[in-house]
Amino acid sequence: MALYTRRGDDGTTGLFGGRRVEKDGLRVHTYGEVDELNAALGLARAASGDDEMLAMLSQLQAILFVVGSDLATPRDGDGDAAAAIERVGAQHVTLLEALIDDADGRSPALTTFILPGGGEVASRLHLARAVCRRAERACVALGRDTDTGEHVVPFLNRLSDLLFAAARWANRIDGVDDVPWNRGDRAGRGVEPKA
C-alpha cells in the first residue's frame, strides 16, 4: 500500500467513518495537537534510560492514540465507525490520578514556583506539558460545538499535571535540581549586564 493517496491534495482529510473535512478545521486541529503531544512524549522517551519512566511514557503514548482516534471519530457520525473505536473513559482519568500520586511522591514537596528545565528528560517533559495544555484548550474549543465526550478534557487536564510531576521525578532520577523561579531574574532586575 502506498504511503500517499493524493486524496488530501485538495485540503481535506478523512475522518474515521469516511466523512471528508477541511484540514484546518477545529476537529483536525485538535487531534493534531494530541499527535504533537504524543511526539513530544516520544522525544522524552528517547532521552530517558529509566525503566519505570519508560514504561509510564510508553503507556501514555498508547492512550494518546485512543484520545486521537476518539477525537477523529464524530460521535454523531457513522454508527459502525463510532462503535468500532475505544473512547476515552473514566478509567483513563483514574489511571492518570494514580500515576500523578506516584510520580509526585518521588519528589520533595514544592516550596516555590519552578521554571521548566533541569535535566534533558525533565525539560522535554515540561515541553510536553505545555503542548498538552494547548491540546486541552483546543479540545475545550471543539467541545463548544461538538460532543467530545465527558472524559477527554479531564484526561488532558490530568495528563498535564502528570507531566509536571514526571518532569520533577525525571530531575530526581538524573540527580538534577528543579529550577526555582527567582523573582530577581526578571527583566531589569537582578541581572547586571556585562561590561
N, C-alpha and C. Protein backbone atom coordinates (compact mmCIF):
# COMPACT_ATOMS: atom_id res chain seq x y z
N MET A 1 0.85 -1.19 0.00
CA MET A 1 0.00 0.00 0.00
C MET A 1 0.89 1.24 0.00
N ALA A 2 0.61 2.18 -0.88
CA ALA A 2 1.39 3.41 -0.97
C ALA A 2 1.14 4.29 0.23
N LEU A 3 2.17 5.01 0.68
CA LEU A 3 2.04 5.91 1.80
C LEU A 3 1.22 7.14 1.43
N TYR A 4 1.25 7.50 0.16
CA TYR A 4 0.49 8.66 -0.29
C TYR A 4 -0.75 8.21 -1.06
N THR A 5 -1.83 9.00 -0.92
CA THR A 5 -3.09 8.66 -1.60
C THR A 5 -3.54 9.76 -2.56
N ARG A 6 -3.01 10.96 -2.39
CA ARG A 6 -3.38 12.15 -3.17
C ARG A 6 -4.78 12.68 -2.83
N ARG A 7 -5.53 11.96 -1.98
CA ARG A 7 -6.89 12.42 -1.66
C ARG A 7 -6.88 13.73 -0.87
N GLY A 8 -5.79 13.99 -0.15
CA GLY A 8 -5.73 15.20 0.66
C GLY A 8 -5.16 16.39 -0.05
N ASP A 9 -4.88 16.24 -1.34
CA ASP A 9 -4.28 17.35 -2.09
C ASP A 9 -5.24 18.53 -2.25
N ASP A 10 -6.51 18.30 -2.01
CA ASP A 10 -7.49 19.39 -2.12
C ASP A 10 -7.71 20.11 -0.79
N GLY A 11 -6.89 19.77 0.23
CA GLY A 11 -7.00 20.44 1.52
C GLY A 11 -7.99 19.79 2.46
N THR A 12 -8.43 18.58 2.14
CA THR A 12 -9.35 17.86 3.03
C THR A 12 -8.68 16.60 3.54
N THR A 13 -9.26 16.05 4.60
CA THR A 13 -8.80 14.77 5.13
C THR A 13 -10.02 13.95 5.53
N GLY A 14 -9.83 12.66 5.66
CA GLY A 14 -10.94 11.79 6.01
C GLY A 14 -10.95 11.46 7.49
N LEU A 15 -12.12 11.60 8.10
CA LEU A 15 -12.30 11.16 9.47
C LEU A 15 -12.59 9.67 9.46
N PHE A 16 -12.46 9.02 10.63
CA PHE A 16 -12.79 7.61 10.72
C PHE A 16 -14.28 7.47 10.45
N GLY A 17 -14.64 6.68 9.48
CA GLY A 17 -16.03 6.56 9.05
C GLY A 17 -16.24 7.15 7.67
N GLY A 18 -15.23 7.87 7.14
CA GLY A 18 -15.27 8.30 5.75
C GLY A 18 -15.59 9.75 5.48
N ARG A 19 -16.16 10.47 6.45
CA ARG A 19 -16.52 11.87 6.20
C ARG A 19 -15.26 12.69 5.89
N ARG A 20 -15.32 13.53 4.85
CA ARG A 20 -14.21 14.42 4.48
C ARG A 20 -14.43 15.78 5.15
N VAL A 21 -13.34 16.32 5.70
CA VAL A 21 -13.40 17.64 6.35
C VAL A 21 -12.16 18.43 5.95
N GLU A 22 -12.24 19.74 6.14
CA GLU A 22 -11.11 20.60 5.84
C GLU A 22 -9.97 20.31 6.82
N LYS A 23 -8.74 20.32 6.32
CA LYS A 23 -7.58 20.02 7.16
C LYS A 23 -7.33 21.08 8.23
N ASP A 24 -7.85 22.29 8.01
CA ASP A 24 -7.65 23.33 9.02
C ASP A 24 -8.86 23.48 9.94
N GLY A 25 -9.77 22.51 9.90
CA GLY A 25 -10.93 22.54 10.78
C GLY A 25 -10.54 22.29 12.23
N LEU A 26 -11.39 22.70 13.15
CA LEU A 26 -11.07 22.61 14.57
C LEU A 26 -10.89 21.17 15.03
N ARG A 27 -11.67 20.25 14.52
CA ARG A 27 -11.51 18.84 14.92
C ARG A 27 -10.12 18.33 14.53
N VAL A 28 -9.71 18.60 13.29
CA VAL A 28 -8.41 18.14 12.81
C VAL A 28 -7.30 18.85 13.60
N HIS A 29 -7.48 20.14 13.84
CA HIS A 29 -6.52 20.89 14.65
C HIS A 29 -6.37 20.24 16.03
N THR A 30 -7.48 19.84 16.63
CA THR A 30 -7.46 19.29 17.99
C THR A 30 -6.75 17.95 18.04
N TYR A 31 -7.10 17.03 17.14
CA TYR A 31 -6.38 15.75 17.23
C TYR A 31 -4.95 15.87 16.71
N GLY A 32 -4.67 16.92 15.93
CA GLY A 32 -3.29 17.21 15.56
C GLY A 32 -2.46 17.65 16.76
N GLU A 33 -3.07 18.41 17.65
CA GLU A 33 -2.38 18.81 18.88
C GLU A 33 -2.06 17.59 19.73
N VAL A 34 -3.00 16.64 19.78
CA VAL A 34 -2.76 15.41 20.53
C VAL A 34 -1.63 14.60 19.88
N ASP A 35 -1.58 14.60 18.56
CA ASP A 35 -0.49 13.92 17.86
C ASP A 35 0.85 14.57 18.19
N GLU A 36 0.89 15.90 18.21
CA GLU A 36 2.13 16.60 18.57
C GLU A 36 2.54 16.26 20.00
N LEU A 37 1.57 16.18 20.90
CA LEU A 37 1.85 15.79 22.28
C LEU A 37 2.47 14.40 22.33
N ASN A 38 1.92 13.48 21.54
CA ASN A 38 2.45 12.12 21.52
C ASN A 38 3.90 12.12 21.02
N ALA A 39 4.18 12.94 20.01
CA ALA A 39 5.55 13.05 19.51
C ALA A 39 6.49 13.63 20.57
N ALA A 40 5.99 14.60 21.33
CA ALA A 40 6.80 15.18 22.41
C ALA A 40 7.13 14.15 23.47
N LEU A 41 6.17 13.27 23.77
CA LEU A 41 6.44 12.20 24.72
C LEU A 41 7.45 11.21 24.14
N GLY A 42 7.42 11.00 22.82
CA GLY A 42 8.41 10.15 22.18
C GLY A 42 9.81 10.71 22.34
N LEU A 43 9.94 12.03 22.26
CA LEU A 43 11.24 12.67 22.49
C LEU A 43 11.71 12.46 23.92
N ALA A 44 10.80 12.57 24.87
CA ALA A 44 11.17 12.34 26.27
C ALA A 44 11.59 10.89 26.47
N ARG A 45 10.87 9.97 25.87
CA ARG A 45 11.23 8.54 25.97
C ARG A 45 12.62 8.29 25.40
N ALA A 46 12.92 8.92 24.28
CA ALA A 46 14.21 8.70 23.63
C ALA A 46 15.37 9.15 24.51
N ALA A 47 15.13 10.11 25.41
CA ALA A 47 16.19 10.65 26.25
C ALA A 47 16.29 9.94 27.60
N SER A 48 15.28 9.18 27.97
CA SER A 48 15.26 8.56 29.29
C SER A 48 15.88 7.17 29.26
N GLY A 49 16.56 6.84 30.33
CA GLY A 49 17.10 5.49 30.47
C GLY A 49 16.52 4.76 31.66
N ASP A 50 15.52 5.37 32.30
CA ASP A 50 14.92 4.77 33.49
C ASP A 50 13.76 3.87 33.10
N ASP A 51 13.79 2.62 33.53
CA ASP A 51 12.78 1.64 33.11
C ASP A 51 11.37 2.02 33.52
N GLU A 52 11.20 2.53 34.74
CA GLU A 52 9.86 2.90 35.20
C GLU A 52 9.34 4.10 34.41
N MET A 53 10.19 5.08 34.18
CA MET A 53 9.77 6.24 33.40
C MET A 53 9.42 5.81 31.97
N LEU A 54 10.25 4.96 31.38
CA LEU A 54 9.99 4.49 30.02
C LEU A 54 8.66 3.75 29.93
N ALA A 55 8.37 2.91 30.91
CA ALA A 55 7.11 2.16 30.91
C ALA A 55 5.92 3.11 31.00
N MET A 56 6.02 4.12 31.87
CA MET A 56 4.91 5.07 32.01
C MET A 56 4.71 5.85 30.73
N LEU A 57 5.79 6.35 30.14
CA LEU A 57 5.66 7.15 28.92
C LEU A 57 5.12 6.31 27.77
N SER A 58 5.53 5.05 27.69
CA SER A 58 5.00 4.16 26.66
C SER A 58 3.49 3.96 26.83
N GLN A 59 3.06 3.77 28.06
CA GLN A 59 1.64 3.62 28.35
C GLN A 59 0.86 4.88 27.97
N LEU A 60 1.43 6.04 28.29
CA LEU A 60 0.76 7.30 27.96
C LEU A 60 0.65 7.48 26.45
N GLN A 61 1.70 7.12 25.71
CA GLN A 61 1.65 7.25 24.26
C GLN A 61 0.55 6.36 23.67
N ALA A 62 0.41 5.16 24.20
CA ALA A 62 -0.63 4.25 23.71
C ALA A 62 -2.02 4.83 23.98
N ILE A 63 -2.22 5.42 25.16
CA ILE A 63 -3.53 6.00 25.48
C ILE A 63 -3.79 7.23 24.62
N LEU A 64 -2.74 7.99 24.29
CA LEU A 64 -2.95 9.16 23.43
C LEU A 64 -3.43 8.76 22.05
N PHE A 65 -3.10 7.54 21.59
CA PHE A 65 -3.68 7.06 20.34
C PHE A 65 -5.19 6.89 20.49
N VAL A 66 -5.63 6.46 21.66
CA VAL A 66 -7.07 6.34 21.94
C VAL A 66 -7.70 7.74 21.91
N VAL A 67 -7.03 8.71 22.55
CA VAL A 67 -7.56 10.09 22.57
C VAL A 67 -7.68 10.61 21.14
N GLY A 68 -6.63 10.42 20.33
CA GLY A 68 -6.66 10.90 18.96
C GLY A 68 -7.76 10.28 18.14
N SER A 69 -7.91 8.95 18.25
CA SER A 69 -8.97 8.29 17.46
C SER A 69 -10.35 8.68 17.96
N ASP A 70 -10.49 8.92 19.26
CA ASP A 70 -11.75 9.39 19.82
C ASP A 70 -12.12 10.74 19.21
N LEU A 71 -11.15 11.66 19.20
CA LEU A 71 -11.42 12.99 18.65
C LEU A 71 -11.63 12.97 17.14
N ALA A 72 -11.02 12.00 16.45
CA ALA A 72 -11.14 11.92 14.98
C ALA A 72 -12.40 11.20 14.54
N THR A 73 -13.19 10.70 15.48
CA THR A 73 -14.39 9.95 15.13
C THR A 73 -15.61 10.64 15.72
N PRO A 74 -16.36 11.39 14.92
CA PRO A 74 -17.53 12.09 15.45
C PRO A 74 -18.51 11.12 16.11
N ARG A 75 -19.02 11.53 17.24
CA ARG A 75 -19.97 10.70 17.97
C ARG A 75 -21.33 10.66 17.27
N ASP A 76 -21.58 11.65 16.41
CA ASP A 76 -22.85 11.69 15.68
C ASP A 76 -22.70 11.17 14.26
N GLY A 77 -21.56 10.54 13.98
CA GLY A 77 -21.31 10.07 12.62
C GLY A 77 -21.75 8.64 12.39
N ASP A 78 -21.08 7.99 11.45
CA ASP A 78 -21.37 6.61 11.08
C ASP A 78 -21.40 5.72 12.31
N GLY A 79 -22.50 5.02 12.50
CA GLY A 79 -22.67 4.18 13.69
C GLY A 79 -21.63 3.09 13.81
N ASP A 80 -21.27 2.45 12.68
CA ASP A 80 -20.27 1.38 12.72
C ASP A 80 -18.90 1.92 13.10
N ALA A 81 -18.51 3.05 12.52
CA ALA A 81 -17.20 3.63 12.83
C ALA A 81 -17.15 4.07 14.28
N ALA A 82 -18.20 4.74 14.73
CA ALA A 82 -18.24 5.24 16.10
C ALA A 82 -18.20 4.09 17.11
N ALA A 83 -18.80 2.96 16.76
CA ALA A 83 -18.84 1.82 17.66
C ALA A 83 -17.55 1.01 17.63
N ALA A 84 -16.75 1.20 16.59
CA ALA A 84 -15.56 0.37 16.40
C ALA A 84 -14.34 0.84 17.18
N ILE A 85 -14.39 2.04 17.71
CA ILE A 85 -13.20 2.56 18.38
C ILE A 85 -13.40 2.63 19.89
N GLU A 86 -12.27 2.63 20.59
CA GLU A 86 -12.29 2.81 22.03
C GLU A 86 -12.42 4.30 22.32
N ARG A 87 -13.24 4.63 23.28
CA ARG A 87 -13.41 6.02 23.70
C ARG A 87 -12.66 6.25 25.01
N VAL A 88 -12.27 7.50 25.24
CA VAL A 88 -11.64 7.86 26.50
C VAL A 88 -12.70 7.76 27.59
N GLY A 89 -12.38 7.05 28.66
CA GLY A 89 -13.35 6.83 29.72
C GLY A 89 -12.83 7.24 31.09
N ALA A 90 -13.69 7.07 32.08
CA ALA A 90 -13.33 7.42 33.46
C ALA A 90 -12.11 6.63 33.92
N GLN A 91 -11.96 5.40 33.41
CA GLN A 91 -10.83 4.57 33.84
C GLN A 91 -9.49 5.19 33.42
N HIS A 92 -9.47 5.90 32.30
CA HIS A 92 -8.24 6.56 31.86
C HIS A 92 -7.88 7.71 32.80
N VAL A 93 -8.89 8.46 33.20
CA VAL A 93 -8.67 9.58 34.13
C VAL A 93 -8.20 9.05 35.48
N THR A 94 -8.84 7.99 35.96
CA THR A 94 -8.46 7.39 37.24
C THR A 94 -7.03 6.87 37.21
N LEU A 95 -6.64 6.27 36.09
CA LEU A 95 -5.26 5.79 35.95
C LEU A 95 -4.29 6.96 36.09
N LEU A 96 -4.57 8.08 35.42
CA LEU A 96 -3.68 9.23 35.50
C LEU A 96 -3.58 9.75 36.93
N GLU A 97 -4.67 9.75 37.66
CA GLU A 97 -4.63 10.23 39.03
C GLU A 97 -3.70 9.36 39.88
N ALA A 98 -3.74 8.04 39.66
CA ALA A 98 -2.82 7.15 40.39
C ALA A 98 -1.38 7.40 39.98
N LEU A 99 -1.15 7.64 38.70
CA LEU A 99 0.21 7.91 38.23
C LEU A 99 0.72 9.25 38.76
N ILE A 100 -0.16 10.24 38.86
CA ILE A 100 0.22 11.54 39.43
C ILE A 100 0.67 11.35 40.87
N ASP A 101 -0.13 10.64 41.65
CA ASP A 101 0.21 10.43 43.06
C ASP A 101 1.56 9.73 43.19
N ASP A 102 1.81 8.74 42.35
CA ASP A 102 3.07 8.01 42.39
C ASP A 102 4.24 8.93 42.01
N ALA A 103 4.11 9.62 40.88
CA ALA A 103 5.21 10.48 40.41
C ALA A 103 5.48 11.62 41.38
N ASP A 104 4.42 12.23 41.91
CA ASP A 104 4.58 13.35 42.82
C ASP A 104 5.25 12.91 44.12
N GLY A 105 4.96 11.68 44.54
CA GLY A 105 5.55 11.16 45.77
C GLY A 105 7.04 10.88 45.67
N ARG A 106 7.59 10.95 44.48
CA ARG A 106 9.02 10.68 44.28
C ARG A 106 9.87 11.95 44.39
N SER A 107 9.22 13.10 44.57
CA SER A 107 9.94 14.38 44.65
C SER A 107 9.61 15.07 45.96
N PRO A 108 10.53 15.93 46.44
CA PRO A 108 10.22 16.68 47.66
C PRO A 108 9.07 17.66 47.42
N ALA A 109 8.42 18.04 48.50
CA ALA A 109 7.31 18.99 48.40
C ALA A 109 7.80 20.31 47.80
N LEU A 110 6.95 20.90 46.97
CA LEU A 110 7.29 22.20 46.38
C LEU A 110 7.21 23.30 47.43
N THR A 111 8.21 24.17 47.44
CA THR A 111 8.19 25.32 48.34
C THR A 111 8.24 26.63 47.56
N THR A 112 8.37 26.53 46.23
CA THR A 112 8.44 27.72 45.38
C THR A 112 7.98 27.33 43.97
N PHE A 113 7.67 28.33 43.16
CA PHE A 113 7.40 28.05 41.75
C PHE A 113 8.69 27.61 41.09
N ILE A 114 8.56 26.72 40.10
CA ILE A 114 9.75 26.30 39.38
C ILE A 114 9.60 26.63 37.90
N LEU A 115 10.75 26.83 37.26
CA LEU A 115 10.79 27.07 35.83
C LEU A 115 10.92 25.75 35.10
N PRO A 116 10.41 25.66 33.88
CA PRO A 116 10.61 24.45 33.09
C PRO A 116 12.11 24.25 32.85
N GLY A 117 12.61 23.11 33.20
CA GLY A 117 14.02 22.86 32.96
C GLY A 117 14.60 21.87 33.93
N GLY A 118 15.91 21.92 34.06
CA GLY A 118 16.65 20.95 34.84
C GLY A 118 17.42 20.06 33.89
N GLY A 119 17.22 18.77 33.98
CA GLY A 119 17.88 17.84 33.07
C GLY A 119 17.16 17.75 31.74
N GLU A 120 17.74 17.00 30.81
CA GLU A 120 17.16 16.90 29.47
C GLU A 120 15.79 16.25 29.46
N VAL A 121 15.64 15.14 30.18
CA VAL A 121 14.33 14.46 30.19
C VAL A 121 13.28 15.36 30.81
N ALA A 122 13.61 15.99 31.93
CA ALA A 122 12.66 16.90 32.58
C ALA A 122 12.27 18.05 31.66
N SER A 123 13.24 18.61 30.96
CA SER A 123 12.95 19.71 30.05
C SER A 123 12.00 19.27 28.94
N ARG A 124 12.22 18.06 28.42
CA ARG A 124 11.33 17.54 27.37
C ARG A 124 9.93 17.28 27.92
N LEU A 125 9.85 16.83 29.16
CA LEU A 125 8.53 16.60 29.77
C LEU A 125 7.82 17.91 30.05
N HIS A 126 8.55 18.94 30.45
CA HIS A 126 7.92 20.26 30.63
C HIS A 126 7.38 20.79 29.30
N LEU A 127 8.12 20.58 28.22
CA LEU A 127 7.64 20.99 26.90
C LEU A 127 6.38 20.20 26.53
N ALA A 128 6.39 18.90 26.80
CA ALA A 128 5.21 18.07 26.53
C ALA A 128 4.02 18.57 27.34
N ARG A 129 4.26 19.01 28.59
CA ARG A 129 3.18 19.55 29.42
C ARG A 129 2.56 20.77 28.77
N ALA A 130 3.40 21.66 28.22
CA ALA A 130 2.88 22.86 27.56
C ALA A 130 2.08 22.49 26.31
N VAL A 131 2.54 21.50 25.56
CA VAL A 131 1.80 21.02 24.38
C VAL A 131 0.47 20.42 24.83
N CYS A 132 0.49 19.70 25.95
CA CYS A 132 -0.74 19.10 26.49
C CYS A 132 -1.76 20.17 26.83
N ARG A 133 -1.32 21.27 27.42
CA ARG A 133 -2.25 22.36 27.75
C ARG A 133 -2.85 22.96 26.48
N ARG A 134 -2.04 23.05 25.43
CA ARG A 134 -2.55 23.56 24.15
C ARG A 134 -3.60 22.61 23.59
N ALA A 135 -3.33 21.31 23.66
CA ALA A 135 -4.30 20.32 23.19
C ALA A 135 -5.59 20.41 24.00
N GLU A 136 -5.45 20.61 25.30
CA GLU A 136 -6.63 20.75 26.16
C GLU A 136 -7.45 21.96 25.75
N ARG A 137 -6.78 23.09 25.49
CA ARG A 137 -7.52 24.30 25.07
C ARG A 137 -8.25 24.06 23.75
N ALA A 138 -7.60 23.37 22.81
CA ALA A 138 -8.24 23.08 21.53
C ALA A 138 -9.45 22.19 21.73
N CYS A 139 -9.33 21.22 22.64
CA CYS A 139 -10.45 20.31 22.90
C CYS A 139 -11.63 21.05 23.54
N VAL A 140 -11.32 21.97 24.43
CA VAL A 140 -12.39 22.78 25.03
C VAL A 140 -13.12 23.58 23.94
N ALA A 141 -12.35 24.18 23.02
CA ALA A 141 -12.96 24.95 21.93
C ALA A 141 -13.81 24.03 21.04
N LEU A 142 -13.30 22.86 20.71
CA LEU A 142 -14.07 21.91 19.89
C LEU A 142 -15.35 21.49 20.60
N GLY A 143 -15.27 21.33 21.92
CA GLY A 143 -16.43 20.88 22.69
C GLY A 143 -17.56 21.88 22.77
N ARG A 144 -17.29 23.14 22.39
CA ARG A 144 -18.38 24.13 22.39
C ARG A 144 -19.43 23.81 21.33
N ASP A 145 -18.99 23.22 20.22
CA ASP A 145 -19.90 22.96 19.10
C ASP A 145 -20.10 21.49 18.81
N THR A 146 -19.31 20.64 19.43
CA THR A 146 -19.31 19.22 19.10
C THR A 146 -19.22 18.40 20.37
N ASP A 147 -19.87 17.25 20.39
CA ASP A 147 -19.78 16.35 21.52
C ASP A 147 -18.43 15.64 21.48
N THR A 148 -17.56 15.98 22.44
CA THR A 148 -16.25 15.32 22.53
C THR A 148 -16.22 14.29 23.64
N GLY A 149 -17.36 14.04 24.26
CA GLY A 149 -17.41 13.10 25.38
C GLY A 149 -17.04 13.81 26.67
N GLU A 150 -17.37 13.17 27.76
CA GLU A 150 -17.17 13.83 29.06
C GLU A 150 -15.80 13.61 29.66
N HIS A 151 -14.96 12.75 29.06
CA HIS A 151 -13.70 12.40 29.72
C HIS A 151 -12.44 12.91 29.03
N VAL A 152 -12.53 13.40 27.80
CA VAL A 152 -11.31 13.80 27.08
C VAL A 152 -10.67 15.02 27.74
N VAL A 153 -11.44 16.04 28.04
CA VAL A 153 -10.86 17.24 28.67
C VAL A 153 -10.31 16.91 30.05
N PRO A 154 -11.04 16.20 30.93
CA PRO A 154 -10.44 15.82 32.21
C PRO A 154 -9.16 14.99 32.04
N PHE A 155 -9.13 14.12 31.03
CA PHE A 155 -7.93 13.32 30.79
C PHE A 155 -6.74 14.23 30.47
N LEU A 156 -6.93 15.18 29.55
CA LEU A 156 -5.83 16.07 29.18
C LEU A 156 -5.43 16.97 30.35
N ASN A 157 -6.41 17.38 31.15
CA ASN A 157 -6.12 18.19 32.33
C ASN A 157 -5.25 17.42 33.31
N ARG A 158 -5.59 16.16 33.58
CA ARG A 158 -4.78 15.33 34.48
C ARG A 158 -3.42 15.03 33.87
N LEU A 159 -3.39 14.82 32.56
CA LEU A 159 -2.12 14.48 31.92
C LEU A 159 -1.11 15.61 32.06
N SER A 160 -1.56 16.84 31.94
CA SER A 160 -0.62 17.96 32.11
C SER A 160 -0.07 17.98 33.53
N ASP A 161 -0.91 17.67 34.52
CA ASP A 161 -0.43 17.58 35.90
C ASP A 161 0.57 16.44 36.05
N LEU A 162 0.28 15.31 35.42
CA LEU A 162 1.20 14.17 35.49
C LEU A 162 2.54 14.52 34.86
N LEU A 163 2.52 15.22 33.74
CA LEU A 163 3.78 15.56 33.07
C LEU A 163 4.61 16.53 33.92
N PHE A 164 3.96 17.41 34.66
CA PHE A 164 4.69 18.27 35.59
C PHE A 164 5.36 17.42 36.68
N ALA A 165 4.58 16.51 37.28
CA ALA A 165 5.14 15.65 38.32
C ALA A 165 6.23 14.75 37.75
N ALA A 166 6.04 14.26 36.53
CA ALA A 166 7.03 13.39 35.90
C ALA A 166 8.31 14.15 35.60
N ALA A 167 8.21 15.42 35.24
CA ALA A 167 9.41 16.23 34.99
C ALA A 167 10.23 16.37 36.27
N ARG A 168 9.56 16.61 37.37
CA ARG A 168 10.27 16.70 38.65
C ARG A 168 10.89 15.35 39.02
N TRP A 169 10.16 14.27 38.78
CA TRP A 169 10.68 12.93 39.03
C TRP A 169 11.91 12.68 38.16
N ALA A 170 11.85 13.09 36.89
CA ALA A 170 12.98 12.90 35.98
C ALA A 170 14.22 13.64 36.49
N ASN A 171 14.03 14.81 37.05
CA ASN A 171 15.17 15.51 37.64
C ASN A 171 15.75 14.73 38.81
N ARG A 172 14.91 14.10 39.63
CA ARG A 172 15.43 13.28 40.73
C ARG A 172 16.24 12.10 40.17
N ILE A 173 15.71 11.46 39.13
CA ILE A 173 16.42 10.33 38.50
C ILE A 173 17.79 10.77 38.02
N ASP A 174 17.85 11.95 37.41
CA ASP A 174 19.10 12.43 36.83
C ASP A 174 20.00 13.16 37.83
N GLY A 175 19.54 13.27 39.08
CA GLY A 175 20.34 13.96 40.09
C GLY A 175 20.47 15.45 39.85
N VAL A 176 19.43 16.04 39.27
CA VAL A 176 19.42 17.46 38.92
C VAL A 176 18.34 18.15 39.75
N ASP A 177 18.64 19.35 40.23
CA ASP A 177 17.64 20.11 40.98
C ASP A 177 16.63 20.73 40.03
N ASP A 178 15.40 20.90 40.52
CA ASP A 178 14.43 21.72 39.79
C ASP A 178 14.97 23.14 39.72
N VAL A 179 14.49 23.92 38.77
CA VAL A 179 14.97 25.29 38.59
C VAL A 179 13.98 26.23 39.27
N PRO A 180 14.34 26.80 40.42
CA PRO A 180 13.39 27.68 41.11
C PRO A 180 13.22 29.00 40.35
N TRP A 181 12.01 29.53 40.42
CA TRP A 181 11.77 30.85 39.84
C TRP A 181 12.30 31.89 40.82
N ASN A 182 13.24 32.66 40.35
CA ASN A 182 13.83 33.72 41.17
C ASN A 182 13.25 35.04 40.71
N ARG A 183 12.52 35.70 41.59
CA ARG A 183 11.87 36.96 41.22
C ARG A 183 12.88 38.00 40.76
N GLY A 184 14.11 37.92 41.23
CA GLY A 184 15.12 38.89 40.85
C GLY A 184 15.64 38.70 39.44
N ASP A 185 15.30 37.60 38.80
CA ASP A 185 15.78 37.33 37.44
C ASP A 185 14.93 37.99 36.36
N ARG A 186 13.87 38.66 36.75
CA ARG A 186 13.01 39.31 35.75
C ARG A 186 13.74 40.44 35.06
N ALA A 187 13.32 40.78 33.87
CA ALA A 187 13.98 41.82 33.09
C ALA A 187 14.14 43.10 33.90
N GLY A 188 15.37 43.62 33.88
CA GLY A 188 15.63 44.88 34.55
C GLY A 188 15.93 44.75 36.03
N ARG A 189 15.89 43.51 36.56
CA ARG A 189 16.14 43.34 37.97
C ARG A 189 17.04 42.14 38.20
N GLY A 190 18.05 42.31 38.99
CA GLY A 190 18.82 41.17 39.48
C GLY A 190 19.95 40.70 38.59
N VAL A 191 19.88 40.96 37.30
CA VAL A 191 20.95 40.50 36.40
C VAL A 191 21.60 41.74 35.80
N GLU A 192 22.86 41.91 36.12
CA GLU A 192 23.59 43.07 35.62
C GLU A 192 24.24 42.73 34.28
N PRO A 193 24.15 43.64 33.30
CA PRO A 193 24.80 43.38 32.02
C PRO A 193 26.31 43.38 32.19
N LYS A 194 26.98 42.55 31.38
CA LYS A 194 28.45 42.51 31.42
C LYS A 194 29.00 43.69 30.65
N ALA A 195 30.07 44.28 31.20
CA ALA A 195 30.68 45.45 30.56
C ALA A 195 31.48 45.04 29.34
